[in-house]
Amino acid sequence: MEKRGVVIVLVLLLISSFLVSCKPRGPGTEPLETAAALRIVKTGMQGVEINTLPNYPPATPIYDLNELQAIVEVKNKGNHNLEPQDCFIVVTGFDPNIIRGGFTSARSCAENVNVLEGKSVYNLEGGVNQIEFRSPNVELDPSVFDYNPTLNFQACYNYHTTASPEVCVDPLFYQIASEQIACNWRQGVNVGGGQGAPVGVSYVRAEMVGGRAIFDINVQNFGIGRVLSPFTDLQTCELNLQFTDFDRVAYAVEMGGVPGDCKPRDGFVRLYNNQGKITCSFDIFGSSAYVTPLLIDMDYNYVQSFKKNVKIIRTPQ
């Protein structure tokens, strides 16, 4: 009887051990695993990525009087969540008198999912959604034998980038030998790999001048699309834009919870050849060098597109 009890206890211990070993581990179970996941989330140079599913729209010619259908797959490859009002898919490049119906309306990237989530430690790939455009009846004029539009699929969305490069601050840089300080502000900070968004910080250069730290922050468009002002209309996308709407990024910079004294003064940095510069200064105190995060927040709209050719043939009468 005693042996039987020992056997039962051993079996129960084995089952418990098996269940524990099979239990899925969250991102915080192992610090090294969490750190690796966080690095994936915090880096990258993509935002929204769009493409059509194979044969939607058809790769081969279709007759008019038939339905035309296109299905766009939308992926949020960055780390910023998109609400329904933050992202739209627009199709242009066709005559609305020929291709009617749903192709003429802007559609939210978060349609039917409420939020198109960005990547996180729980989902390193980001959210995915599919948007269907349907024209129930494509009709050509009797005098037109075929129609060959190039459909232009555009993703227009608002995105945010948060960068936090660690910078060296040295209040008494001229009094202490370089061998005795904790960090060297003269080295600057290379910020490679992006910050999980199409626009980000690529480099930060520091200067210590008379009790102030001055930082030159290089902002870059890493993606394949175009940067727009965050005040442009996402549903009309690139229609009715002015020159001043392009390549404008709103920004805010702070260090230690204190906003910087920054230029450009209006809070917008203009990109030229996909790059721009922000200069911020901060009063610094203390008697020793230290490393601290420089928090840089950027807000902007972004547009990117791809094209698909469609061939429509008049139905024989």
C-alpha atoms as a PDB file:
ATOM      1  CA  MET A   1       0.000   0.000   0.000  1.00  0.00           C
ATOM      2  CA  GLU A   2       2.845   2.348   0.875  1.00  0.00           C
ATOM      3  CA  LYS A   3       4.596   1.623  -2.438  1.00  0.00           C
ATOM      4  CA  ARG A   4       1.374   2.331  -4.284  1.00  0.00           C
ATOM      5  CA  GLY A   5       1.128   5.750  -2.615  1.00  0.00           C
ATOM      6  CA  VAL A   6       4.712   6.598  -3.600  1.00  0.00           C
ATOM      7  CA  VAL A   7       3.985   5.663  -7.212  1.00  0.00           C
ATOM      8  CA  ILE A   8       0.899   7.901  -7.293  1.00  0.00           C
ATOM      9  CA  VAL A   9       2.870  10.857  -5.888  1.00  0.00           C
ATOM     10  CA  LEU A  10       5.634  10.367  -8.484  1.00  0.00           C
ATOM     11  CA  VAL A  11       3.079  10.242 -11.303  1.00  0.00           C
ATOM     12  CA  LEU A  12       1.451  13.450 -10.074  1.00  0.00           C
ATOM     13  CA  LEU A  13       4.833  15.176  -9.862  1.00  0.00           C
ATOM     14  CA  LEU A  14       5.671  14.130 -13.426  1.00  0.00           C
ATOM     15  CA  ILE A  15       2.332  15.414 -14.716  1.00  0.00           C
ATOM     16  CA  SER A  16       2.823  18.749 -12.897  1.00  0.00           C
ATOM     17  CA  SER A  17       6.334  19.103 -14.306  1.00  0.00           C
ATOM     18  CA  PHE A  18       5.052  18.386 -17.826  1.00  0.00           C
ATOM     19  CA  LEU A  19       2.262  20.950 -17.544  1.00  0.00           C
ATOM     20  CA  VAL A  20       4.647  23.632 -16.278  1.00  0.00           C
ATOM     21  CA  SER A  21       7.143  22.956 -19.079  1.00  0.00           C
ATOM     22  CA  CYS A  22       4.375  23.165 -21.694  1.00  0.00           C
ATOM     23  CA  LYS A  23       2.891  26.385 -20.396  1.00  0.00           C
ATOM     24  CA  PRO A  24       3.445  29.218 -22.940  1.00  0.00           C
ATOM     25  CA  ARG A  25       5.840  31.829 -21.697  1.00  0.00           C
ATOM     26  CA  GLY A  26       4.997  35.497 -21.920  1.00  0.00           C
ATOM     27  CA  PRO A  27       7.486  38.123 -23.084  1.00  0.00           C
ATOM     28  CA  GLY A  28       8.435  38.931 -19.501  1.00  0.00           C
ATOM     29  CA  THR A  29       9.292  35.401 -18.419  1.00  0.00           C
ATOM     30  CA  GLU A  30      12.939  35.668 -19.452  1.00  0.00           C
ATOM     31  CA  PRO A  31      14.616  39.109 -19.363  1.00  0.00           C
ATOM     32  CA  LEU A  32      16.804  38.336 -22.368  1.00  0.00           C
ATOM     33  CA  GLU A  33      13.793  37.267 -24.421  1.00  0.00           C
ATOM     34  CA  THR A  34      11.895  40.410 -23.416  1.00  0.00           C
ATOM     35  CA  ALA A  35      14.866  42.606 -24.318  1.00  0.00           C
ATOM     36  CA  ALA A  36      15.116  40.978 -27.750  1.00  0.00           C
ATOM     37  CA  ALA A  37      11.377  41.440 -28.351  1.00  0.00           C
ATOM     38  CA  LEU A  38      11.526  45.074 -27.252  1.00  0.00           C
ATOM     39  CA  ARG A  39      14.388  45.718 -29.636  1.00  0.00           C
ATOM     40  CA  ILE A  40      12.311  44.381 -32.533  1.00  0.00           C
ATOM     41  CA  VAL A  41       9.386  46.578 -31.493  1.00  0.00           C
ATOM     42  CA  LYS A  42      11.485  49.733 -31.018  1.00  0.00           C
ATOM     43  CA  THR A  43      13.402  49.431 -34.291  1.00  0.00           C
ATOM     44  CA  GLY A  44      12.442  49.206 -37.950  1.00  0.00           C
ATOM     45  CA  MET A  45      11.694  51.672 -40.743  1.00  0.00           C
ATOM     46  CA  GLN A  46       8.193  50.692 -41.840  1.00  0.00           C
ATOM     47  CA  GLY A  47       4.715  51.933 -41.097  1.00  0.00           C
ATOM     48  CA  VAL A  48       1.752  50.748 -43.168  1.00  0.00           C
ATOM     49  CA  GLU A  49       2.409  48.266 -45.966  1.00  0.00           C
ATOM     50  CA  ILE A  50      -0.248  47.549 -48.618  1.00  0.00           C
ATOM     51  CA  ASN A  51      -0.611  45.072 -51.457  1.00  0.00           C
ATOM     52  CA  THR A  52      -3.419  43.328 -53.327  1.00  0.00           C
ATOM     53  CA  LEU A  53      -4.208  39.648 -53.033  1.00  0.00           C
ATOM     54  CA  PRO A  54      -3.314  37.522 -56.092  1.00  0.00           C
ATOM     55  CA  ASN A  55      -5.850  37.956 -58.925  1.00  0.00           C
ATOM     56  CA  TYR A  56      -7.760  40.734 -57.036  1.00  0.00           C
ATOM     57  CA  PRO A  57      -7.902  42.698 -59.314  1.00  0.00           C
ATOM     58  CA  PRO A  58      -7.678  40.118 -62.101  1.00  0.00           C
ATOM     59  CA  ALA A  59      -4.339  39.721 -63.827  1.00  0.00           C
ATOM     60  CA  THR A  60      -6.120  38.655 -67.035  1.00  0.00           C
ATOM     61  CA  PRO A  61      -8.625  40.660 -69.140  1.00  0.00           C
ATOM     62  CA  ILE A  62     -12.259  40.714 -68.056  1.00  0.00           C
ATOM     63  CA  TYR A  63     -15.436  41.584 -69.938  1.00  0.00           C
ATOM     64  CA  ASP A  64     -17.366  44.683 -69.063  1.00  0.00           C
ATOM     65  CA  LEU A  65     -20.847  44.186 -67.558  1.00  0.00           C
ATOM     66  CA  ASN A  66     -19.035  41.968 -65.038  1.00  0.00           C
ATOM     67  CA  GLU A  67     -18.005  42.688 -61.466  1.00  0.00           C
ATOM     68  CA  LEU A  68     -14.552  44.102 -60.754  1.00  0.00           C
ATOM     69  CA  GLN A  69     -13.130  43.239 -57.352  1.00  0.00           C
ATOM     70  CA  ALA A  70      -9.885  44.268 -55.630  1.00  0.00           C
ATOM     71  CA  ILE A  71      -8.815  43.114 -52.163  1.00  0.00           C
ATOM     72  CA  VAL A  72      -6.102  45.155 -50.441  1.00  0.00           C
ATOM     73  CA  GLU A  73      -4.123  43.586 -47.621  1.00  0.00           C
ATOM     74  CA  VAL A  74      -3.054  46.196 -45.072  1.00  0.00           C
ATOM     75  CA  LYS A  75      -0.245  45.492 -42.598  1.00  0.00           C
ATOM     76  CA  ASN A  76       0.820  47.774 -39.781  1.00  0.00           C
ATOM     77  CA  LYS A  77       4.549  47.004 -39.653  1.00  0.00           C
ATOM     78  CA  GLY A  78       5.421  49.859 -37.268  1.00  0.00           C
ATOM     79  CA  ASN A  79       4.764  50.233 -33.544  1.00  0.00           C
ATOM     80  CA  HIS A  80       1.990  52.856 -33.574  1.00  0.00           C
ATOM     81  CA  ASN A  81      -1.644  51.720 -33.329  1.00  0.00           C
ATOM     82  CA  LEU A  82      -4.037  53.076 -35.950  1.00  0.00           C
ATOM     83  CA  GLU A  83      -7.593  54.096 -35.070  1.00  0.00           C
ATOM     84  CA  PRO A  84     -10.273  54.063 -37.817  1.00  0.00           C
ATOM     85  CA  GLN A  85      -9.752  57.791 -38.528  1.00  0.00           C
ATOM     86  CA  ASP A  86      -5.948  57.454 -38.734  1.00  0.00           C
ATOM     87  CA  CYS A  87      -5.538  55.519 -41.988  1.00  0.00           C
ATOM     88  CA  PHE A  88      -7.381  55.271 -45.318  1.00  0.00           C
ATOM     89  CA  ILE A  89      -6.975  53.376 -48.575  1.00  0.00           C
ATOM     90  CA  VAL A  90      -7.820  55.352 -51.716  1.00  0.00           C
ATOM     91  CA  VAL A  91      -7.965  54.038 -55.288  1.00  0.00           C
ATOM     92  CA  THR A  92      -7.398  56.477 -58.169  1.00  0.00           C
ATOM     93  CA  GLY A  93      -6.427  56.333 -61.834  1.00  0.00           C
ATOM     94  CA  PHE A  94      -9.760  55.222 -63.329  1.00  0.00           C
ATOM     95  CA  ASP A  95     -12.817  56.848 -64.910  1.00  0.00           C
ATOM     96  CA  PRO A  96     -15.644  56.750 -62.326  1.00  0.00           C
ATOM     97  CA  ASN A  97     -18.172  56.700 -65.181  1.00  0.00           C
ATOM     98  CA  ILE A  98     -16.799  53.283 -66.191  1.00  0.00           C
ATOM     99  CA  ILE A  99     -15.696  51.751 -62.889  1.00  0.00           C
ATOM    100  CA  ARG A 100     -18.450  52.656 -60.457  1.00  0.00           C
ATOM    101  CA  GLY A 101     -19.439  51.701 -56.967  1.00  0.00           C
ATOM    102  CA  GLY A 102     -17.071  51.116 -54.052  1.00  0.00           C
ATOM    103  CA  PHE A 103     -13.869  52.022 -55.911  1.00  0.00           C
ATOM    104  CA  THR A 104     -14.691  55.730 -55.600  1.00  0.00           C
ATOM    105  CA  SER A 105     -14.753  55.863 -51.772  1.00  0.00           C
ATOM    106  CA  ALA A 106     -11.898  56.077 -49.252  1.00  0.00           C
ATOM    107  CA  ARG A 107     -11.896  53.102 -46.885  1.00  0.00           C
ATOM    108  CA  SER A 108     -10.474  52.948 -43.377  1.00  0.00           C
ATOM    109  CA  CYS A 109      -7.493  50.649 -42.823  1.00  0.00           C
ATOM    110  CA  ALA A 110      -9.096  49.599 -39.525  1.00  0.00           C
ATOM    111  CA  GLU A 111     -12.460  48.747 -41.098  1.00  0.00           C
ATOM    112  CA  ASN A 112     -14.187  45.947 -39.150  1.00  0.00           C
ATOM    113  CA  VAL A 113     -11.269  45.611 -36.674  1.00  0.00           C
ATOM    114  CA  ASN A 114     -11.647  48.949 -34.777  1.00  0.00           C
ATOM    115  CA  VAL A 115      -7.881  49.296 -34.267  1.00  0.00           C
ATOM    116  CA  LEU A 116      -5.123  48.178 -36.638  1.00  0.00           C
ATOM    117  CA  GLU A 117      -2.512  47.416 -34.028  1.00  0.00           C
ATOM    118  CA  GLY A 118       1.177  48.060 -34.455  1.00  0.00           C
ATOM    119  CA  LYS A 119       3.815  45.543 -33.440  1.00  0.00           C
ATOM    120  CA  SER A 120       4.296  44.841 -29.743  1.00  0.00           C
ATOM    121  CA  VAL A 121       6.089  42.309 -27.557  1.00  0.00           C
ATOM    122  CA  TYR A 122       2.959  40.155 -27.867  1.00  0.00           C
ATOM    123  CA  ASN A 123       2.708  40.527 -31.664  1.00  0.00           C
ATOM    124  CA  LEU A 124       6.026  41.206 -33.357  1.00  0.00           C
ATOM    125  CA  GLU A 125       4.485  41.249 -36.843  1.00  0.00           C
ATOM    126  CA  GLY A 126       1.825  43.898 -36.212  1.00  0.00           C
ATOM    127  CA  GLY A 127      -1.849  43.853 -37.217  1.00  0.00           C
ATOM    128  CA  VAL A 128      -3.268  42.780 -40.597  1.00  0.00           C
ATOM    129  CA  ASN A 129      -6.564  43.642 -42.281  1.00  0.00           C
ATOM    130  CA  GLN A 130      -8.164  43.149 -45.704  1.00  0.00           C
ATOM    131  CA  ILE A 131     -10.213  45.818 -47.479  1.00  0.00           C
ATOM    132  CA  GLU A 132     -12.483  44.868 -50.384  1.00  0.00           C
ATOM    133  CA  PHE A 133     -13.233  47.280 -53.236  1.00  0.00           C
ATOM    134  CA  ARG A 134     -16.100  46.206 -55.483  1.00  0.00           C
ATOM    135  CA  SER A 135     -17.580  47.620 -58.674  1.00  0.00           C
ATOM    136  CA  PRO A 136     -20.711  45.548 -59.376  1.00  0.00           C
ATOM    137  CA  ASN A 137     -21.062  46.676 -62.969  1.00  0.00           C
ATOM    138  CA  VAL A 138     -18.280  47.874 -65.274  1.00  0.00           C
ATOM    139  CA  GLU A 139     -19.769  49.229 -68.474  1.00  0.00           C
ATOM    140  CA  LEU A 140     -18.021  50.518 -71.595  1.00  0.00           C
ATOM    141  CA  ASP A 141     -19.544  52.813 -74.172  1.00  0.00           C
ATOM    142  CA  PRO A 142     -20.615  50.871 -77.309  1.00  0.00           C
ATOM    143  CA  SER A 143     -17.958  52.728 -79.297  1.00  0.00           C
ATOM    144  CA  VAL A 144     -15.146  51.694 -76.920  1.00  0.00           C
ATOM    145  CA  PHE A 145     -13.665  48.230 -77.488  1.00  0.00           C
ATOM    146  CA  ASP A 146     -11.369  48.082 -74.468  1.00  0.00           C
ATOM    147  CA  TYR A 147     -10.253  50.076 -71.458  1.00  0.00           C
ATOM    148  CA  ASN A 148      -6.816  49.784 -69.785  1.00  0.00           C
ATOM    149  CA  PRO A 149      -6.598  51.840 -66.590  1.00  0.00           C
ATOM    150  CA  THR A 150      -3.700  51.722 -64.154  1.00  0.00           C
ATOM    151  CA  LEU A 151      -5.231  51.533 -60.698  1.00  0.00           C
ATOM    152  CA  ASN A 152      -3.247  53.490 -58.118  1.00  0.00           C
ATOM    153  CA  PHE A 153      -3.724  52.150 -54.573  1.00  0.00           C
ATOM    154  CA  GLN A 154      -2.720  54.705 -51.941  1.00  0.00           C
ATOM    155  CA  ALA A 155      -2.344  54.308 -48.190  1.00  0.00           C
ATOM    156  CA  CYS A 156      -2.684  57.665 -46.426  1.00  0.00           C
ATOM    157  CA  TYR A 157      -2.154  57.550 -42.691  1.00  0.00           C
ATOM    158  CA  ASN A 158      -1.158  59.467 -39.610  1.00  0.00           C
ATOM    159  CA  TYR A 159       1.826  58.094 -37.701  1.00  0.00           C
ATOM    160  CA  HIS A 160       3.909  58.872 -34.629  1.00  0.00           C
ATOM    161  CA  THR A 161       7.568  58.220 -33.939  1.00  0.00           C
ATOM    162  CA  THR A 162       9.036  58.185 -30.455  1.00  0.00           C
ATOM    163  CA  ALA A 163      12.827  58.175 -30.255  1.00  0.00           C
ATOM    164  CA  SER A 164      14.805  58.116 -27.026  1.00  0.00           C
ATOM    165  CA  PRO A 165      18.538  58.122 -27.842  1.00  0.00           C
ATOM    166  CA  GLU A 166      20.769  58.154 -24.774  1.00  0.00           C
ATOM    167  CA  VAL A 167      22.952  61.256 -24.776  1.00  0.00           C
ATOM    168  CA  CYS A 168      25.897  62.320 -22.661  1.00  0.00           C
ATOM    169  CA  VAL A 169      25.529  65.453 -20.545  1.00  0.00           C
ATOM    170  CA  ASP A 170      28.679  66.925 -18.967  1.00  0.00           C
ATOM    171  CA  PRO A 171      28.137  70.113 -16.877  1.00  0.00           C
ATOM    172  CA  LEU A 172      31.870  70.518 -16.084  1.00  0.00           C
ATOM    173  CA  PHE A 173      33.358  69.242 -19.334  1.00  0.00           C
ATOM    174  CA  TYR A 174      36.244  71.716 -19.265  1.00  0.00           C
ATOM    175  CA  GLN A 175      37.399  70.942 -15.699  1.00  0.00           C
ATOM    176  CA  ILE A 176      37.822  67.167 -15.675  1.00  0.00           C
ATOM    177  CA  ALA A 177      40.121  64.984 -17.767  1.00  0.00           C
ATOM    178  CA  SER A 178      38.330  62.778 -20.305  1.00  0.00           C
ATOM    179  CA  GLU A 179      39.710  59.645 -18.608  1.00  0.00           C
ATOM    180  CA  GLN A 180      37.813  60.495 -15.411  1.00  0.00           C
ATOM    181  CA  ILE A 181      34.309  61.063 -16.809  1.00  0.00           C
ATOM    182  CA  ALA A 182      31.513  58.514 -17.253  1.00  0.00           C
ATOM    183  CA  CYS A 183      30.745  59.383 -20.882  1.00  0.00           C
ATOM    184  CA  ASN A 184      32.049  61.425 -23.796  1.00  0.00           C
ATOM    185  CA  TRP A 185      29.572  63.869 -25.344  1.00  0.00           C
ATOM    186  CA  ARG A 186      31.931  64.517 -28.285  1.00  0.00           C
ATOM    187  CA  GLN A 187      31.224  61.081 -29.768  1.00  0.00           C
ATOM    188  CA  GLY A 188      27.598  61.864 -30.672  1.00  0.00           C
ATOM    189  CA  VAL A 189      24.955  59.174 -31.029  1.00  0.00           C
ATOM    190  CA  ASN A 190      24.313  57.098 -34.145  1.00  0.00           C
ATOM    191  CA  VAL A 191      20.719  55.877 -34.075  1.00  0.00           C
ATOM    192  CA  GLY A 192      20.703  53.019 -36.575  1.00  0.00           C
ATOM    193  CA  GLY A 193      17.802  50.786 -37.525  1.00  0.00           C
ATOM    194  CA  GLY A 194      14.972  53.291 -37.172  1.00  0.00           C
ATOM    195  CA  GLN A 195      12.422  53.582 -34.370  1.00  0.00           C
ATOM    196  CA  GLY A 196       9.585  51.383 -35.639  1.00  0.00           C
ATOM    197  CA  ALA A 197       8.213  53.975 -38.084  1.00  0.00           C
ATOM    198  CA  PRO A 198       8.958  55.364 -41.574  1.00  0.00           C
ATOM    199  CA  VAL A 199      10.289  58.658 -40.162  1.00  0.00           C
ATOM    200  CA  GLY A 200      12.890  58.685 -37.414  1.00  0.00           C
ATOM    201  CA  VAL A 201      16.103  60.017 -35.927  1.00  0.00           C
ATOM    202  CA  SER A 202      19.370  58.955 -37.562  1.00  0.00           C
ATOM    203  CA  TYR A 203      21.975  60.924 -35.590  1.00  0.00           C
ATOM    204  CA  VAL A 204      22.348  63.227 -32.575  1.00  0.00           C
ATOM    205  CA  ARG A 205      25.359  65.536 -32.142  1.00  0.00           C
ATOM    206  CA  ALA A 206      26.023  67.269 -28.804  1.00  0.00           C
ATOM    207  CA  GLU A 207      27.797  70.430 -27.695  1.00  0.00           C
ATOM    208  CA  MET A 208      28.367  71.689 -24.123  1.00  0.00           C
ATOM    209  CA  VAL A 209      28.468  75.488 -24.057  1.00  0.00           C
ATOM    210  CA  GLY A 210      28.394  77.666 -20.929  1.00  0.00           C
ATOM    211  CA  GLY A 211      26.094  75.576 -18.750  1.00  0.00           C
ATOM    212  CA  ARG A 212      23.916  74.480 -21.629  1.00  0.00           C
ATOM    213  CA  ALA A 213      23.701  71.273 -23.643  1.00  0.00           C
ATOM    214  CA  ILE A 214      22.947  71.786 -27.328  1.00  0.00           C
ATOM    215  CA  PHE A 215      21.771  68.886 -29.501  1.00  0.00           C
ATOM    216  CA  ASP A 216      21.576  68.738 -33.280  1.00  0.00           C
ATOM    217  CA  ILE A 217      19.003  66.065 -34.158  1.00  0.00           C
ATOM    218  CA  ASN A 218      18.941  64.670 -37.688  1.00  0.00           C
ATOM    219  CA  VAL A 219      15.440  63.567 -38.807  1.00  0.00           C
ATOM    220  CA  GLN A 220      15.104  61.278 -41.819  1.00  0.00           C
ATOM    221  CA  ASN A 221      12.399  59.726 -43.977  1.00  0.00           C
ATOM    222  CA  PHE A 222      13.524  56.084 -43.994  1.00  0.00           C
ATOM    223  CA  GLY A 223      10.497  54.783 -45.894  1.00  0.00           C
ATOM    224  CA  ILE A 224       9.524  54.630 -49.563  1.00  0.00           C
ATOM    225  CA  GLY A 225       6.618  57.076 -49.290  1.00  0.00           C
ATOM    226  CA  ARG A 226       6.148  60.827 -48.920  1.00  0.00           C
ATOM    227  CA  VAL A 227       5.851  62.803 -45.702  1.00  0.00           C
ATOM    228  CA  LEU A 228       2.895  65.175 -45.332  1.00  0.00           C
ATOM    229  CA  SER A 229       1.885  67.675 -42.667  1.00  0.00           C
ATOM    230  CA  PRO A 230      -0.197  66.065 -39.889  1.00  0.00           C
ATOM    231  CA  PHE A 231      -2.961  68.572 -40.718  1.00  0.00           C
ATOM    232  CA  THR A 232      -3.648  67.271 -44.245  1.00  0.00           C
ATOM    233  CA  ASP A 233      -6.906  65.432 -44.986  1.00  0.00           C
ATOM    234  CA  LEU A 234      -6.271  61.688 -45.015  1.00  0.00           C
ATOM    235  CA  GLN A 235      -9.452  60.806 -46.893  1.00  0.00           C
ATOM    236  CA  THR A 236      -8.585  62.970 -49.902  1.00  0.00           C
ATOM    237  CA  CYS A 237      -4.928  62.008 -49.593  1.00  0.00           C
ATOM    238  CA  GLU A 238      -2.765  63.828 -52.137  1.00  0.00           C
ATOM    239  CA  LEU A 239      -5.634  65.785 -53.715  1.00  0.00           C
ATOM    240  CA  ASN A 240      -5.762  69.568 -53.204  1.00  0.00           C
ATOM    241  CA  LEU A 241      -2.383  69.754 -51.455  1.00  0.00           C
ATOM    242  CA  GLN A 242      -0.246  72.872 -51.302  1.00  0.00           C
ATOM    243  CA  PHE A 243       3.539  72.963 -51.499  1.00  0.00           C
ATOM    244  CA  THR A 244       3.678  73.758 -47.785  1.00  0.00           C
ATOM    245  CA  ASP A 245       1.847  70.502 -46.973  1.00  0.00           C
ATOM    246  CA  PHE A 246       4.744  68.302 -48.102  1.00  0.00           C
ATOM    247  CA  ASP A 247       7.711  67.130 -46.002  1.00  0.00           C
ATOM    248  CA  ARG A 248       6.580  68.700 -42.703  1.00  0.00           C
ATOM    249  CA  VAL A 249       7.017  66.846 -39.420  1.00  0.00           C
ATOM    250  CA  ALA A 250       5.659  68.179 -36.117  1.00  0.00           C
ATOM    251  CA  TYR A 251       8.024  67.562 -33.208  1.00  0.00           C
ATOM    252  CA  ALA A 252       8.542  67.961 -29.473  1.00  0.00           C
ATOM    253  CA  VAL A 253      11.807  67.358 -27.588  1.00  0.00           C
ATOM    254  CA  GLU A 254      12.415  67.100 -23.865  1.00  0.00           C
ATOM    255  CA  MET A 255      15.126  65.944 -21.481  1.00  0.00           C
ATOM    256  CA  GLY A 256      14.532  65.079 -17.848  1.00  0.00           C
ATOM    257  CA  GLY A 257      10.897  66.128 -18.204  1.00  0.00           C
ATOM    258  CA  VAL A 258      11.870  69.631 -19.365  1.00  0.00           C
ATOM    259  CA  PRO A 259      10.955  70.823 -22.909  1.00  0.00           C
ATOM    260  CA  GLY A 260      13.904  72.007 -24.962  1.00  0.00           C
ATOM    261  CA  ASP A 261      14.447  75.447 -26.434  1.00  0.00           C
ATOM    262  CA  CYS A 262      14.260  74.269 -30.030  1.00  0.00           C
ATOM    263  CA  LYS A 263      14.532  75.473 -33.612  1.00  0.00           C
ATOM    264  CA  PRO A 264      12.620  75.625 -35.915  1.00  0.00           C
ATOM    265  CA  ARG A 265      10.504  77.708 -33.560  1.00  0.00           C
ATOM    266  CA  ASP A 266       7.129  76.736 -35.024  1.00  0.00           C
ATOM    267  CA  GLY A 267       7.455  73.094 -33.942  1.00  0.00           C
ATOM    268  CA  PHE A 268       7.750  71.758 -37.492  1.00  0.00           C
ATOM    269  CA  VAL A 269      10.886  70.483 -39.196  1.00  0.00           C
ATOM    270  CA  ARG A 270      10.928  70.620 -43.013  1.00  0.00           C
ATOM    271  CA  LEU A 271      12.644  67.737 -44.825  1.00  0.00           C
ATOM    272  CA  TYR A 272      14.857  68.410 -47.844  1.00  0.00           C
ATOM    273  CA  ASN A 273      15.937  65.328 -49.796  1.00  0.00           C
ATOM    274  CA  ASN A 274      14.225  63.321 -47.024  1.00  0.00           C
ATOM    275  CA  GLN A 275      16.308  64.838 -44.205  1.00  0.00           C
ATOM    276  CA  GLY A 276      15.913  67.696 -41.756  1.00  0.00           C
ATOM    277  CA  LYS A 277      17.537  69.085 -38.595  1.00  0.00           C
ATOM    278  CA  ILE A 278      16.219  70.097 -35.187  1.00  0.00           C
ATOM    279  CA  THR A 279      18.447  72.026 -32.760  1.00  0.00           C
ATOM    280  CA  CYS A 280      17.518  72.032 -29.057  1.00  0.00           C
ATOM    281  CA  SER A 281      19.278  73.427 -26.005  1.00  0.00           C
ATOM    282  CA  PHE A 282      18.817  72.702 -22.293  1.00  0.00           C
ATOM    283  CA  ASP A 283      20.164  74.223 -19.094  1.00  0.00           C
ATOM    284  CA  ILE A 284      22.305  71.635 -17.312  1.00  0.00           C
ATOM    285  CA  PHE A 285      23.408  71.383 -13.696  1.00  0.00           C
ATOM    286  CA  GLY A 286      25.527  69.114 -11.527  1.00  0.00           C
ATOM    287  CA  SER A 287      29.178  68.291 -11.078  1.00  0.00           C
ATOM    288  CA  SER A 288      29.632  65.074 -13.059  1.00  0.00           C
ATOM    289  CA  ALA A 289      28.883  63.679 -16.486  1.00  0.00           C
ATOM    290  CA  TYR A 290      25.920  61.360 -16.931  1.00  0.00           C
ATOM    291  CA  VAL A 291      23.869  59.621 -19.620  1.00  0.00           C
ATOM    292  CA  THR A 292      20.166  60.420 -20.024  1.00  0.00           C
ATOM    293  CA  PRO A 293      17.446  59.790 -22.624  1.00  0.00           C
ATOM    294  CA  LEU A 294      16.632  62.595 -25.034  1.00  0.00           C
ATOM    295  CA  LEU A 295      12.915  62.144 -25.760  1.00  0.00           C
ATOM    296  CA  ILE A 296      11.889  63.077 -29.311  1.00  0.00           C
ATOM    297  CA  ASP A 297       8.264  62.771 -30.414  1.00  0.00           C
ATOM    298  CA  MET A 298       7.257  63.260 -34.047  1.00  0.00           C
ATOM    299  CA  ASP A 299       3.805  63.474 -35.634  1.00  0.00           C
ATOM    300  CA  TYR A 300       3.146  63.411 -39.389  1.00  0.00           C
ATOM    301  CA  ASN A 301       0.993  62.056 -42.179  1.00  0.00           C
ATOM    302  CA  TYR A 302       2.442  59.621 -44.667  1.00  0.00           C
ATOM    303  CA  VAL A 303       1.412  58.439 -48.121  1.00  0.00           C
ATOM    304  CA  GLN A 304       2.692  55.539 -50.197  1.00  0.00           C
ATOM    305  CA  SER A 305       1.224  53.715 -53.160  1.00  0.00           C
ATOM    306  CA  PHE A 306       1.539  50.964 -55.716  1.00  0.00           C
ATOM    307  CA  LYS A 307      -0.054  50.391 -59.122  1.00  0.00           C
ATOM    308  CA  LYS A 308      -1.949  47.556 -60.813  1.00  0.00           C
ATOM    309  CA  ASN A 309      -2.890  47.383 -64.485  1.00  0.00           C
ATOM    310  CA  VAL A 310      -6.395  46.226 -65.409  1.00  0.00           C
ATOM    311  CA  LYS A 311      -7.712  45.351 -68.874  1.00  0.00           C
ATOM    312  CA  ILE A 312     -11.455  45.495 -69.561  1.00  0.00           C
ATOM    313  CA  ILE A 313     -12.912  44.313 -72.890  1.00  0.00           C
ATOM    314  CA  ARG A 314     -16.367  45.196 -74.235  1.00  0.00           C
ATOM    315  CA  THR A 315     -18.718  42.239 -74.044  1.00  0.00           C
ATOM    316  CA  PRO A 316     -19.634  40.936 -77.549  1.00  0.00           C
ATOM    317  CA  GLN A 317     -23.213  41.751 -78.539  1.00  0.00           C
END
